[in-house]
Amino acid sequence: MTNFVLVAGAWLGSWAWDEVTPQLRAAGHGAHALTLSGLAERRAEPAGQQTHVRNVVEEVERLDLRDVVLVGHSYAGIPVGQAAERIGDRLARVVFVDSNVPADGESFVSTWWEGPAKLEAAISGNGGFWAPLTASDCEGQGLGADQIARIVDGATPHPGATLSEPAVLARPLGELPTTYVKCLLDGPEPNEDVARLLTGDNWRLVRMDTGHWPMFSRPRELAEILLAAAAS
Protein backbone atom coordinates (compact mmCIF):
# COMPACT_ATOMS: atom_id res chain seq x y z
CA MET A 1 0.00 0.00 0.00
CA THR A 2 1.27 3.44 -0.94
CA ASN A 3 0.79 6.32 1.48
CA PHE A 4 0.17 9.62 -0.24
CA VAL A 5 0.92 12.77 1.77
CA LEU A 6 -0.66 15.71 -0.04
CA VAL A 7 0.23 19.35 0.57
CA ALA A 8 -1.54 22.19 -1.22
CA GLY A 9 0.03 25.48 -2.18
CA ALA A 10 -0.16 29.00 -0.77
CA TRP A 11 -3.31 30.06 1.10
CA LEU A 12 -4.81 26.55 1.09
CA GLY A 13 -5.24 23.76 3.63
CA SER A 14 -5.90 20.03 3.60
CA TRP A 15 -9.46 20.70 2.44
CA ALA A 16 -8.12 21.44 -1.05
CA TRP A 17 -7.68 17.68 -1.60
CA ASP A 18 -11.23 16.66 -0.65
CA GLU A 19 -12.08 15.49 -4.17
CA VAL A 20 -8.77 13.65 -4.70
CA THR A 21 -8.29 11.60 -1.54
CA PRO A 22 -11.42 9.40 -1.90
CA GLN A 23 -10.18 8.01 -5.22
CA LEU A 24 -6.75 7.24 -3.77
CA ARG A 25 -8.34 5.42 -0.83
CA ALA A 26 -10.75 3.57 -3.10
CA ALA A 27 -7.68 2.16 -4.89
CA GLY A 28 -6.47 0.71 -1.59
CA HIS A 29 -3.94 3.33 -0.59
CA GLY A 30 -3.48 5.71 2.31
CA ALA A 31 -4.20 9.38 1.60
CA HIS A 32 -3.12 11.94 4.15
CA ALA A 33 -3.89 15.56 3.27
CA LEU A 34 -1.86 17.95 5.42
CA THR A 35 -2.46 21.55 6.44
CA LEU A 36 0.75 23.50 7.00
CA SER A 37 1.27 25.74 10.03
CA GLY A 38 -0.15 29.23 9.68
CA LEU A 39 -2.91 28.21 7.27
CA ALA A 40 -6.59 27.17 7.43
CA GLU A 41 -7.37 25.47 10.78
CA ARG A 42 -3.71 25.99 11.82
CA ARG A 43 -3.81 29.70 11.09
CA ALA A 44 -2.86 30.69 14.65
CA GLU A 45 0.43 28.75 14.54
CA PRO A 46 3.62 30.73 13.80
CA ALA A 47 5.40 29.50 10.69
CA GLY A 48 8.57 29.86 8.69
CA GLN A 49 9.59 27.75 5.73
CA GLN A 50 11.55 25.27 7.83
CA THR A 51 8.44 24.95 10.00
CA HIS A 52 6.64 23.73 6.90
CA VAL A 53 9.40 21.25 6.14
CA ARG A 54 9.09 19.90 9.70
CA ASN A 55 5.29 19.72 9.33
CA VAL A 56 5.71 17.25 6.48
CA VAL A 57 8.48 15.19 8.07
CA GLU A 58 6.67 15.01 11.42
CA GLU A 59 3.42 13.89 9.77
CA VAL A 60 5.22 11.00 8.07
CA GLU A 61 6.97 10.02 11.29
CA ARG A 62 3.92 10.50 13.53
CA LEU A 63 1.85 8.15 11.41
CA ASP A 64 4.86 5.84 10.85
CA LEU A 65 4.22 5.89 7.12
CA ARG A 66 6.18 3.77 4.65
CA ASP A 67 6.19 3.68 0.85
CA VAL A 68 5.43 7.39 0.91
CA VAL A 69 4.57 9.49 -2.13
CA LEU A 70 4.95 13.14 -1.16
CA VAL A 71 2.77 15.45 -3.26
CA GLY A 72 3.50 19.17 -3.30
CA HIS A 73 1.36 21.67 -5.19
CA SER A 74 2.55 25.18 -6.15
CA TYR A 75 4.43 26.80 -3.21
CA ALA A 76 4.30 23.53 -1.27
CA GLY A 77 6.79 21.98 -3.67
CA ILE A 78 9.50 23.91 -1.81
CA PRO A 79 8.96 22.36 1.65
CA VAL A 80 7.95 19.00 0.16
CA GLY A 81 11.14 18.81 -1.89
CA GLN A 82 13.20 19.40 1.24
CA ALA A 83 11.17 16.96 3.33
CA ALA A 84 11.60 14.26 0.69
CA GLU A 85 15.32 13.91 1.35
CA ARG A 86 14.76 13.96 5.13
CA ILE A 87 12.42 10.99 5.39
CA GLY A 88 15.04 8.59 4.07
CA ASP A 89 13.93 5.16 2.92
CA ARG A 90 10.30 5.92 3.75
CA LEU A 91 10.15 7.82 0.45
CA ALA A 92 8.89 6.07 -2.67
CA ARG A 93 8.42 9.09 -4.93
CA VAL A 94 7.88 12.84 -5.04
CA VAL A 95 5.15 14.39 -7.18
CA PHE A 96 5.34 18.11 -7.84
CA VAL A 97 2.01 19.46 -9.10
CA ASP A 98 2.62 22.63 -11.16
CA SER A 99 4.91 23.64 -8.35
CA ASN A 100 7.99 25.53 -7.39
CA VAL A 101 10.94 23.35 -6.48
CA PRO A 102 13.55 24.11 -3.82
CA ALA A 103 17.06 25.28 -4.64
CA ASP A 104 19.62 25.34 -1.87
CA GLY A 105 19.96 28.87 -0.48
CA GLU A 106 17.07 30.24 -2.52
CA SER A 107 13.61 31.19 -1.29
CA PHE A 108 10.21 31.44 -2.93
CA VAL A 109 10.58 35.23 -2.93
CA SER A 110 14.08 35.23 -4.42
CA THR A 111 12.89 33.34 -7.49
CA TRP A 112 9.55 35.16 -7.91
CA TRP A 113 8.85 35.60 -11.62
CA GLU A 114 8.07 39.32 -11.32
CA GLY A 115 11.18 39.95 -9.21
CA PRO A 116 11.69 39.68 -5.42
CA ALA A 117 10.98 43.35 -4.74
CA LYS A 118 7.39 43.19 -5.94
CA LEU A 119 6.47 40.20 -3.79
CA GLU A 120 8.37 41.57 -0.78
CA ALA A 121 6.41 44.81 -1.05
CA ALA A 122 3.09 42.95 -1.31
CA ILE A 123 3.87 40.94 1.83
CA SER A 124 5.14 43.95 3.77
CA GLY A 125 2.09 45.97 2.81
CA ASN A 126 -0.22 43.24 4.14
CA GLY A 127 1.20 42.92 7.64
CA GLY A 128 3.73 40.21 6.81
CA PHE A 129 1.25 37.97 4.99
CA TRP A 130 0.66 37.26 1.31
CA ALA A 131 -2.94 38.25 0.63
CA PRO A 132 -5.19 35.47 -0.71
CA LEU A 133 -6.30 35.20 -4.30
CA THR A 134 -9.27 37.04 -5.70
CA ALA A 135 -11.75 35.53 -8.13
CA SER A 136 -10.13 37.37 -11.04
CA ASP A 137 -6.77 35.74 -10.21
CA CYS A 138 -8.36 32.33 -10.85
CA GLU A 139 -9.81 33.11 -14.28
CA GLY A 140 -8.49 31.27 -17.33
CA GLN A 141 -7.48 28.24 -15.27
CA GLY A 142 -10.20 25.79 -16.24
CA LEU A 143 -12.28 26.48 -13.14
CA GLY A 144 -16.03 26.93 -12.92
CA ALA A 145 -17.64 29.66 -10.83
CA ASP A 146 -18.34 27.27 -7.95
CA GLN A 147 -14.76 26.02 -7.94
CA ILE A 148 -13.37 29.56 -7.92
CA ALA A 149 -15.68 30.42 -5.03
CA ARG A 150 -14.39 27.42 -3.05
CA ILE A 151 -10.79 28.50 -3.50
CA VAL A 152 -11.39 32.16 -2.72
CA ASP A 153 -13.72 31.54 0.23
CA GLY A 154 -11.45 28.90 1.77
CA ALA A 155 -8.14 30.71 1.34
CA THR A 156 -6.30 32.28 4.28
CA PRO A 157 -3.45 34.82 4.24
CA HIS A 158 -0.12 33.06 3.74
CA PRO A 159 2.65 33.72 6.30
CA GLY A 160 5.40 35.71 4.63
CA ALA A 161 8.29 34.11 6.53
CA THR A 162 7.60 30.81 4.77
CA LEU A 163 8.18 32.57 1.46
CA SER A 164 11.33 34.48 2.37
CA GLU A 165 13.38 31.84 4.23
CA PRO A 166 15.91 29.97 2.05
CA ALA A 167 15.67 26.28 1.27
CA VAL A 168 18.22 23.87 2.69
CA LEU A 169 19.12 20.84 0.58
CA ALA A 170 21.72 18.26 1.55
CA ARG A 171 21.71 16.45 -1.81
CA PRO A 172 20.86 17.31 -5.42
CA LEU A 173 17.11 17.35 -6.03
CA GLY A 174 17.65 15.48 -9.29
CA GLU A 175 18.57 12.33 -7.36
CA LEU A 176 15.04 11.91 -6.04
CA PRO A 177 12.54 9.73 -7.93
CA THR A 178 10.15 12.40 -9.14
CA THR A 179 7.13 13.07 -11.31
CA TYR A 180 6.49 16.67 -12.34
CA VAL A 181 2.92 17.53 -13.37
CA LYS A 182 2.74 20.57 -15.66
CA CYS A 183 -0.66 22.25 -15.94
CA LEU A 184 -0.76 23.73 -19.40
CA LEU A 185 -3.21 26.58 -18.84
CA ASP A 186 -0.68 28.02 -16.41
CA GLY A 187 2.05 28.00 -19.06
CA PRO A 188 3.02 25.47 -21.74
CA GLU A 189 6.45 24.56 -20.38
CA PRO A 190 8.08 24.04 -16.97
CA ASN A 191 10.40 26.78 -15.76
CA GLU A 192 14.13 26.55 -16.45
CA ASP A 193 15.04 24.92 -13.13
CA VAL A 194 12.48 22.16 -13.62
CA ALA A 195 13.42 21.71 -17.29
CA ARG A 196 17.01 21.04 -16.26
CA LEU A 197 15.95 18.51 -13.66
CA LEU A 198 13.77 16.74 -16.22
CA THR A 199 16.85 15.98 -18.32
CA GLY A 200 18.02 13.57 -15.61
CA ASP A 201 17.12 9.90 -15.36
CA ASN A 202 15.04 10.20 -12.18
CA TRP A 203 12.50 12.81 -13.25
CA ARG A 204 9.41 12.28 -15.42
CA LEU A 205 7.05 14.86 -16.92
CA VAL A 206 3.27 14.54 -17.10
CA ARG A 207 1.13 17.24 -18.71
CA MET A 208 -2.44 18.11 -17.76
CA ASP A 209 -4.67 20.19 -20.03
CA THR A 210 -6.00 22.28 -17.17
CA GLY A 211 -5.01 25.16 -14.91
CA HIS A 212 -2.94 25.68 -11.80
CA TRP A 213 -5.41 24.10 -9.36
CA PRO A 214 -6.11 20.64 -10.83
CA MET A 215 -7.36 19.28 -7.50
CA PHE A 216 -10.40 21.48 -8.14
CA SER A 217 -10.62 21.53 -11.94
CA ARG A 218 -9.67 17.89 -12.70
CA PRO A 219 -9.58 15.95 -9.40
CA ARG A 220 -10.27 12.54 -10.92
CA GLU A 221 -7.60 12.93 -13.59
CA LEU A 222 -5.11 14.17 -11.01
CA ALA A 223 -5.82 11.18 -8.77
CA GLU A 224 -5.20 8.83 -11.70
CA ILE A 225 -1.87 10.55 -12.37
CA LEU A 226 -0.87 10.15 -8.73
CA LEU A 227 -1.79 6.47 -8.77
CA ALA A 228 0.24 5.95 -11.95
CA ALA A 229 3.21 7.78 -10.42
CA ALA A 230 3.09 5.53 -7.36
CA ALA A 231 3.12 2.47 -9.59
CA SER A 232 6.10 3.65 -11.67
C-alpha atoms as a PDB file:
ATOM      1  CA  MET A   1       0.000   0.000   0.000  1.00  0.00           C
ATOM      2  CA  THR A   2       1.274   3.436  -0.941  1.00  0.00           C
ATOM      3  CA  ASN A   3       0.795   6.315   1.479  1.00  0.00           C
ATOM      4  CA  PHE A   4       0.165   9.624  -0.239  1.00  0.00           C
ATOM      5  CA  VAL A   5       0.917  12.767   1.765  1.00  0.00           C
ATOM      6  CA  LEU A   6      -0.662  15.710  -0.040  1.00  0.00           C
ATOM      7  CA  VAL A   7       0.230  19.345   0.573  1.00  0.00           C
ATOM      8  CA  ALA A   8      -1.543  22.192  -1.222  1.00  0.00           C
ATOM      9  CA  GLY A   9       0.035  25.480  -2.176  1.00  0.00           C
ATOM     10  CA  ALA A  10      -0.158  28.998  -0.774  1.00  0.00           C
ATOM     11  CA  TRP A  11      -3.309  30.060   1.102  1.00  0.00           C
ATOM     12  CA  LEU A  12      -4.807  26.547   1.090  1.00  0.00           C
ATOM     13  CA  GLY A  13      -5.238  23.758   3.631  1.00  0.00           C
ATOM     14  CA  SER A  14      -5.901  20.028   3.601  1.00  0.00           C
ATOM     15  CA  TRP A  15      -9.458  20.705   2.444  1.00  0.00           C
ATOM     16  CA  ALA A  16      -8.124  21.438  -1.046  1.00  0.00           C
ATOM     17  CA  TRP A  17      -7.676  17.682  -1.604  1.00  0.00           C
ATOM     18  CA  ASP A  18     -11.228  16.660  -0.651  1.00  0.00           C
ATOM     19  CA  GLU A  19     -12.083  15.486  -4.175  1.00  0.00           C
ATOM     20  CA  VAL A  20      -8.774  13.646  -4.700  1.00  0.00           C
ATOM     21  CA  THR A  21      -8.287  11.600  -1.536  1.00  0.00           C
ATOM     22  CA  PRO A  22     -11.420   9.398  -1.898  1.00  0.00           C
ATOM     23  CA  GLN A  23     -10.177   8.010  -5.216  1.00  0.00           C
ATOM     24  CA  LEU A  24      -6.749   7.238  -3.767  1.00  0.00           C
ATOM     25  CA  ARG A  25      -8.343   5.421  -0.830  1.00  0.00           C
ATOM     26  CA  ALA A  26     -10.747   3.568  -3.101  1.00  0.00           C
ATOM     27  CA  ALA A  27      -7.684   2.156  -4.894  1.00  0.00           C
ATOM     28  CA  GLY A  28      -6.471   0.708  -1.593  1.00  0.00           C
ATOM     29  CA  HIS A  29      -3.937   3.331  -0.589  1.00  0.00           C
ATOM     30  CA  GLY A  30      -3.478   5.706   2.310  1.00  0.00           C
ATOM     31  CA  ALA A  31      -4.205   9.383   1.600  1.00  0.00           C
ATOM     32  CA  HIS A  32      -3.120  11.945   4.154  1.00  0.00           C
ATOM     33  CA  ALA A  33      -3.886  15.563   3.275  1.00  0.00           C
ATOM     34  CA  LEU A  34      -1.857  17.953   5.418  1.00  0.00           C
ATOM     35  CA  THR A  35      -2.464  21.554   6.438  1.00  0.00           C
ATOM     36  CA  LEU A  36       0.746  23.495   6.997  1.00  0.00           C
ATOM     37  CA  SER A  37       1.270  25.737  10.031  1.00  0.00           C
ATOM     38  CA  GLY A  38      -0.154  29.227   9.678  1.00  0.00           C
ATOM     39  CA  LEU A  39      -2.910  28.209   7.270  1.00  0.00           C
ATOM     40  CA  ALA A  40      -6.594  27.169   7.428  1.00  0.00           C
ATOM     41  CA  GLU A  41      -7.370  25.472  10.777  1.00  0.00           C
ATOM     42  CA  ARG A  42      -3.706  25.993  11.816  1.00  0.00           C
ATOM     43  CA  ARG A  43      -3.813  29.704  11.090  1.00  0.00           C
ATOM     44  CA  ALA A  44      -2.857  30.686  14.648  1.00  0.00           C
ATOM     45  CA  GLU A  45       0.432  28.750  14.544  1.00  0.00           C
ATOM     46  CA  PRO A  46       3.618  30.727  13.799  1.00  0.00           C
ATOM     47  CA  ALA A  47       5.403  29.500  10.688  1.00  0.00           C
ATOM     48  CA  GLY A  48       8.574  29.856   8.695  1.00  0.00           C
ATOM     49  CA  GLN A  49       9.587  27.745   5.732  1.00  0.00           C
ATOM     50  CA  GLN A  50      11.550  25.266   7.831  1.00  0.00           C
ATOM     51  CA  THR A  51       8.437  24.948  10.000  1.00  0.00           C
ATOM     52  CA  HIS A  52       6.641  23.727   6.897  1.00  0.00           C
ATOM     53  CA  VAL A  53       9.400  21.251   6.140  1.00  0.00           C
ATOM     54  CA  ARG A  54       9.089  19.901   9.696  1.00  0.00           C
ATOM     55  CA  ASN A  55       5.292  19.725   9.327  1.00  0.00           C
ATOM     56  CA  VAL A  56       5.713  17.251   6.478  1.00  0.00           C
ATOM     57  CA  VAL A  57       8.476  15.193   8.072  1.00  0.00           C
ATOM     58  CA  GLU A  58       6.672  15.013  11.417  1.00  0.00           C
ATOM     59  CA  GLU A  59       3.421  13.886   9.774  1.00  0.00           C
ATOM     60  CA  VAL A  60       5.220  11.000   8.070  1.00  0.00           C
ATOM     61  CA  GLU A  61       6.974  10.017  11.294  1.00  0.00           C
ATOM     62  CA  ARG A  62       3.919  10.498  13.534  1.00  0.00           C
ATOM     63  CA  LEU A  63       1.851   8.146  11.409  1.00  0.00           C
ATOM     64  CA  ASP A  64       4.861   5.841  10.852  1.00  0.00           C
ATOM     65  CA  LEU A  65       4.225   5.892   7.121  1.00  0.00           C
ATOM     66  CA  ARG A  66       6.185   3.772   4.651  1.00  0.00           C
ATOM     67  CA  ASP A  67       6.192   3.675   0.850  1.00  0.00           C
ATOM     68  CA  VAL A  68       5.430   7.392   0.905  1.00  0.00           C
ATOM     69  CA  VAL A  69       4.573   9.487  -2.131  1.00  0.00           C
ATOM     70  CA  LEU A  70       4.948  13.137  -1.162  1.00  0.00           C
ATOM     71  CA  VAL A  71       2.767  15.450  -3.257  1.00  0.00           C
ATOM     72  CA  GLY A  72       3.505  19.175  -3.299  1.00  0.00           C
ATOM     73  CA  HIS A  73       1.356  21.670  -5.191  1.00  0.00           C
ATOM     74  CA  SER A  74       2.545  25.177  -6.148  1.00  0.00           C
ATOM     75  CA  TYR A  75       4.428  26.802  -3.211  1.00  0.00           C
ATOM     76  CA  ALA A  76       4.303  23.526  -1.265  1.00  0.00           C
ATOM     77  CA  GLY A  77       6.791  21.977  -3.668  1.00  0.00           C
ATOM     78  CA  ILE A  78       9.502  23.907  -1.811  1.00  0.00           C
ATOM     79  CA  PRO A  79       8.961  22.363   1.646  1.00  0.00           C
ATOM     80  CA  VAL A  80       7.948  19.003   0.157  1.00  0.00           C
ATOM     81  CA  GLY A  81      11.140  18.812  -1.891  1.00  0.00           C
ATOM     82  CA  GLN A  82      13.201  19.398   1.243  1.00  0.00           C
ATOM     83  CA  ALA A  83      11.168  16.960   3.335  1.00  0.00           C
ATOM     84  CA  ALA A  84      11.603  14.255   0.686  1.00  0.00           C
ATOM     85  CA  GLU A  85      15.318  13.912   1.354  1.00  0.00           C
ATOM     86  CA  ARG A  86      14.764  13.962   5.133  1.00  0.00           C
ATOM     87  CA  ILE A  87      12.416  10.992   5.391  1.00  0.00           C
ATOM     88  CA  GLY A  88      15.040   8.588   4.067  1.00  0.00           C
ATOM     89  CA  ASP A  89      13.935   5.162   2.923  1.00  0.00           C
ATOM     90  CA  ARG A  90      10.303   5.920   3.751  1.00  0.00           C
ATOM     91  CA  LEU A  91      10.147   7.822   0.446  1.00  0.00           C
ATOM     92  CA  ALA A  92       8.887   6.068  -2.673  1.00  0.00           C
ATOM     93  CA  ARG A  93       8.424   9.089  -4.927  1.00  0.00           C
ATOM     94  CA  VAL A  94       7.877  12.837  -5.038  1.00  0.00           C
ATOM     95  CA  VAL A  95       5.151  14.385  -7.179  1.00  0.00           C
ATOM     96  CA  PHE A  96       5.344  18.113  -7.844  1.00  0.00           C
ATOM     97  CA  VAL A  97       2.007  19.463  -9.099  1.00  0.00           C
ATOM     98  CA  ASP A  98       2.622  22.628 -11.161  1.00  0.00           C
ATOM     99  CA  SER A  99       4.910  23.642  -8.353  1.00  0.00           C
ATOM    100  CA  ASN A 100       7.988  25.533  -7.393  1.00  0.00           C
ATOM    101  CA  VAL A 101      10.941  23.350  -6.476  1.00  0.00           C
ATOM    102  CA  PRO A 102      13.548  24.114  -3.824  1.00  0.00           C
ATOM    103  CA  ALA A 103      17.060  25.275  -4.642  1.00  0.00           C
ATOM    104  CA  ASP A 104      19.624  25.341  -1.865  1.00  0.00           C
ATOM    105  CA  GLY A 105      19.965  28.867  -0.476  1.00  0.00           C
ATOM    106  CA  GLU A 106      17.069  30.244  -2.519  1.00  0.00           C
ATOM    107  CA  SER A 107      13.610  31.194  -1.293  1.00  0.00           C
ATOM    108  CA  PHE A 108      10.208  31.441  -2.928  1.00  0.00           C
ATOM    109  CA  VAL A 109      10.579  35.226  -2.929  1.00  0.00           C
ATOM    110  CA  SER A 110      14.083  35.226  -4.419  1.00  0.00           C
ATOM    111  CA  THR A 111      12.893  33.342  -7.486  1.00  0.00           C
ATOM    112  CA  TRP A 112       9.548  35.162  -7.912  1.00  0.00           C
ATOM    113  CA  TRP A 113       8.846  35.598 -11.617  1.00  0.00           C
ATOM    114  CA  GLU A 114       8.066  39.316 -11.316  1.00  0.00           C
ATOM    115  CA  GLY A 115      11.179  39.947  -9.209  1.00  0.00           C
ATOM    116  CA  PRO A 116      11.688  39.681  -5.422  1.00  0.00           C
ATOM    117  CA  ALA A 117      10.975  43.354  -4.738  1.00  0.00           C
ATOM    118  CA  LYS A 118       7.393  43.191  -5.942  1.00  0.00           C
ATOM    119  CA  LEU A 119       6.467  40.202  -3.792  1.00  0.00           C
ATOM    120  CA  GLU A 120       8.373  41.566  -0.785  1.00  0.00           C
ATOM    121  CA  ALA A 121       6.409  44.814  -1.052  1.00  0.00           C
ATOM    122  CA  ALA A 122       3.093  42.950  -1.306  1.00  0.00           C
ATOM    123  CA  ILE A 123       3.873  40.937   1.834  1.00  0.00           C
ATOM    124  CA  SER A 124       5.142  43.948   3.775  1.00  0.00           C
ATOM    125  CA  GLY A 125       2.089  45.969   2.814  1.00  0.00           C
ATOM    126  CA  ASN A 126      -0.216  43.238   4.142  1.00  0.00           C
ATOM    127  CA  GLY A 127       1.199  42.921   7.645  1.00  0.00           C
ATOM    128  CA  GLY A 128       3.730  40.212   6.809  1.00  0.00           C
ATOM    129  CA  PHE A 129       1.247  37.971   4.990  1.00  0.00           C
ATOM    130  CA  TRP A 130       0.655  37.261   1.309  1.00  0.00           C
ATOM    131  CA  ALA A 131      -2.941  38.252   0.626  1.00  0.00           C
ATOM    132  CA  PRO A 132      -5.194  35.470  -0.708  1.00  0.00           C
ATOM    133  CA  LEU A 133      -6.298  35.198  -4.300  1.00  0.00           C
ATOM    134  CA  THR A 134      -9.269  37.045  -5.700  1.00  0.00           C
ATOM    135  CA  ALA A 135     -11.747  35.532  -8.133  1.00  0.00           C
ATOM    136  CA  SER A 136     -10.132  37.367 -11.042  1.00  0.00           C
ATOM    137  CA  ASP A 137      -6.769  35.736 -10.212  1.00  0.00           C
ATOM    138  CA  CYS A 138      -8.361  32.333 -10.851  1.00  0.00           C
ATOM    139  CA  GLU A 139      -9.806  33.111 -14.277  1.00  0.00           C
ATOM    140  CA  GLY A 140      -8.490  31.270 -17.328  1.00  0.00           C
ATOM    141  CA  GLN A 141      -7.478  28.235 -15.273  1.00  0.00           C
ATOM    142  CA  GLY A 142     -10.202  25.790 -16.239  1.00  0.00           C
ATOM    143  CA  LEU A 143     -12.283  26.481 -13.142  1.00  0.00           C
ATOM    144  CA  GLY A 144     -16.032  26.932 -12.916  1.00  0.00           C
ATOM    145  CA  ALA A 145     -17.636  29.658 -10.826  1.00  0.00           C
ATOM    146  CA  ASP A 146     -18.342  27.270  -7.945  1.00  0.00           C
ATOM    147  CA  GLN A 147     -14.757  26.023  -7.935  1.00  0.00           C
ATOM    148  CA  ILE A 148     -13.368  29.557  -7.925  1.00  0.00           C
ATOM    149  CA  ALA A 149     -15.677  30.419  -5.033  1.00  0.00           C
ATOM    150  CA  ARG A 150     -14.394  27.424  -3.051  1.00  0.00           C
ATOM    151  CA  ILE A 151     -10.790  28.499  -3.504  1.00  0.00           C
ATOM    152  CA  VAL A 152     -11.392  32.165  -2.716  1.00  0.00           C
ATOM    153  CA  ASP A 153     -13.724  31.543   0.234  1.00  0.00           C
ATOM    154  CA  GLY A 154     -11.454  28.902   1.775  1.00  0.00           C
ATOM    155  CA  ALA A 155      -8.141  30.709   1.345  1.00  0.00           C
ATOM    156  CA  THR A 156      -6.297  32.279   4.276  1.00  0.00           C
ATOM    157  CA  PRO A 157      -3.452  34.820   4.245  1.00  0.00           C
ATOM    158  CA  HIS A 158      -0.125  33.056   3.744  1.00  0.00           C
ATOM    159  CA  PRO A 159       2.649  33.723   6.304  1.00  0.00           C
ATOM    160  CA  GLY A 160       5.397  35.713   4.633  1.00  0.00           C
ATOM    161  CA  ALA A 161       8.288  34.107   6.528  1.00  0.00           C
ATOM    162  CA  THR A 162       7.599  30.811   4.771  1.00  0.00           C
ATOM    163  CA  LEU A 163       8.182  32.573   1.464  1.00  0.00           C
ATOM    164  CA  SER A 164      11.326  34.478   2.374  1.00  0.00           C
ATOM    165  CA  GLU A 165      13.379  31.843   4.227  1.00  0.00           C
ATOM    166  CA  PRO A 166      15.909  29.973   2.048  1.00  0.00           C
ATOM    167  CA  ALA A 167      15.666  26.284   1.273  1.00  0.00           C
ATOM    168  CA  VAL A 168      18.222  23.869   2.693  1.00  0.00           C
ATOM    169  CA  LEU A 169      19.119  20.837   0.578  1.00  0.00           C
ATOM    170  CA  ALA A 170      21.723  18.258   1.547  1.00  0.00           C
ATOM    171  CA  ARG A 171      21.710  16.454  -1.806  1.00  0.00           C
ATOM    172  CA  PRO A 172      20.859  17.309  -5.421  1.00  0.00           C
ATOM    173  CA  LEU A 173      17.111  17.355  -6.032  1.00  0.00           C
ATOM    174  CA  GLY A 174      17.655  15.479  -9.289  1.00  0.00           C
ATOM    175  CA  GLU A 175      18.572  12.330  -7.363  1.00  0.00           C
ATOM    176  CA  LEU A 176      15.038  11.912  -6.036  1.00  0.00           C
ATOM    177  CA  PRO A 177      12.536   9.730  -7.929  1.00  0.00           C
ATOM    178  CA  THR A 178      10.153  12.400  -9.142  1.00  0.00           C
ATOM    179  CA  THR A 179       7.127  13.069 -11.310  1.00  0.00           C
ATOM    180  CA  TYR A 180       6.486  16.665 -12.337  1.00  0.00           C
ATOM    181  CA  VAL A 181       2.921  17.528 -13.367  1.00  0.00           C
ATOM    182  CA  LYS A 182       2.741  20.566 -15.663  1.00  0.00           C
ATOM    183  CA  CYS A 183      -0.656  22.246 -15.937  1.00  0.00           C
ATOM    184  CA  LEU A 184      -0.757  23.728 -19.401  1.00  0.00           C
ATOM    185  CA  LEU A 185      -3.210  26.582 -18.839  1.00  0.00           C
ATOM    186  CA  ASP A 186      -0.677  28.023 -16.405  1.00  0.00           C
ATOM    187  CA  GLY A 187       2.052  27.995 -19.061  1.00  0.00           C
ATOM    188  CA  PRO A 188       3.018  25.470 -21.738  1.00  0.00           C
ATOM    189  CA  GLU A 189       6.449  24.561 -20.376  1.00  0.00           C
ATOM    190  CA  PRO A 190       8.079  24.044 -16.966  1.00  0.00           C
ATOM    191  CA  ASN A 191      10.404  26.778 -15.757  1.00  0.00           C
ATOM    192  CA  GLU A 192      14.130  26.546 -16.453  1.00  0.00           C
ATOM    193  CA  ASP A 193      15.039  24.921 -13.135  1.00  0.00           C
ATOM    194  CA  VAL A 194      12.480  22.162 -13.618  1.00  0.00           C
ATOM    195  CA  ALA A 195      13.420  21.713 -17.288  1.00  0.00           C
ATOM    196  CA  ARG A 196      17.015  21.045 -16.260  1.00  0.00           C
ATOM    197  CA  LEU A 197      15.950  18.505 -13.659  1.00  0.00           C
ATOM    198  CA  LEU A 198      13.768  16.745 -16.217  1.00  0.00           C
ATOM    199  CA  THR A 199      16.850  15.978 -18.318  1.00  0.00           C
ATOM    200  CA  GLY A 200      18.022  13.568 -15.615  1.00  0.00           C
ATOM    201  CA  ASP A 201      17.125   9.902 -15.356  1.00  0.00           C
ATOM    202  CA  ASN A 202      15.039  10.202 -12.180  1.00  0.00           C
ATOM    203  CA  TRP A 203      12.495  12.805 -13.250  1.00  0.00           C
ATOM    204  CA  ARG A 204       9.413  12.280 -15.418  1.00  0.00           C
ATOM    205  CA  LEU A 205       7.055  14.858 -16.917  1.00  0.00           C
ATOM    206  CA  VAL A 206       3.270  14.537 -17.101  1.00  0.00           C
ATOM    207  CA  ARG A 207       1.128  17.237 -18.710  1.00  0.00           C
ATOM    208  CA  MET A 208      -2.443  18.107 -17.759  1.00  0.00           C
ATOM    209  CA  ASP A 209      -4.666  20.188 -20.027  1.00  0.00           C
ATOM    210  CA  THR A 210      -6.001  22.278 -17.167  1.00  0.00           C
ATOM    211  CA  GLY A 211      -5.007  25.158 -14.912  1.00  0.00           C
ATOM    212  CA  HIS A 212      -2.937  25.681 -11.800  1.00  0.00           C
ATOM    213  CA  TRP A 213      -5.407  24.098  -9.363  1.00  0.00           C
ATOM    214  CA  PRO A 214      -6.114  20.636 -10.831  1.00  0.00           C
ATOM    215  CA  MET A 215      -7.357  19.279  -7.499  1.00  0.00           C
ATOM    216  CA  PHE A 216     -10.396  21.482  -8.143  1.00  0.00           C
ATOM    217  CA  SER A 217     -10.617  21.534 -11.940  1.00  0.00           C
ATOM    218  CA  ARG A 218      -9.672  17.895 -12.699  1.00  0.00           C
ATOM    219  CA  PRO A 219      -9.581  15.952  -9.401  1.00  0.00           C
ATOM    220  CA  ARG A 220     -10.270  12.540 -10.924  1.00  0.00           C
ATOM    221  CA  GLU A 221      -7.602  12.925 -13.590  1.00  0.00           C
ATOM    222  CA  LEU A 222      -5.105  14.165 -11.013  1.00  0.00           C
ATOM    223  CA  ALA A 223      -5.823  11.180  -8.765  1.00  0.00           C
ATOM    224  CA  GLU A 224      -5.204   8.832 -11.695  1.00  0.00           C
ATOM    225  CA  ILE A 225      -1.874  10.553 -12.374  1.00  0.00           C
ATOM    226  CA  LEU A 226      -0.870  10.152  -8.733  1.00  0.00           C
ATOM    227  CA  LEU A 227      -1.791   6.471  -8.766  1.00  0.00           C
ATOM    228  CA  ALA A 228       0.240   5.954 -11.950  1.00  0.00           C
ATOM    229  CA  ALA A 229       3.208   7.785 -10.422  1.00  0.00           C
ATOM    230  CA  ALA A 230       3.093   5.531  -7.363  1.00  0.00           C
ATOM    231  CA  ALA A 231       3.123   2.468  -9.589  1.00  0.00           C
ATOM    232  CA  SER A 232       6.104   3.649 -11.669  1.00  0.00           C
END
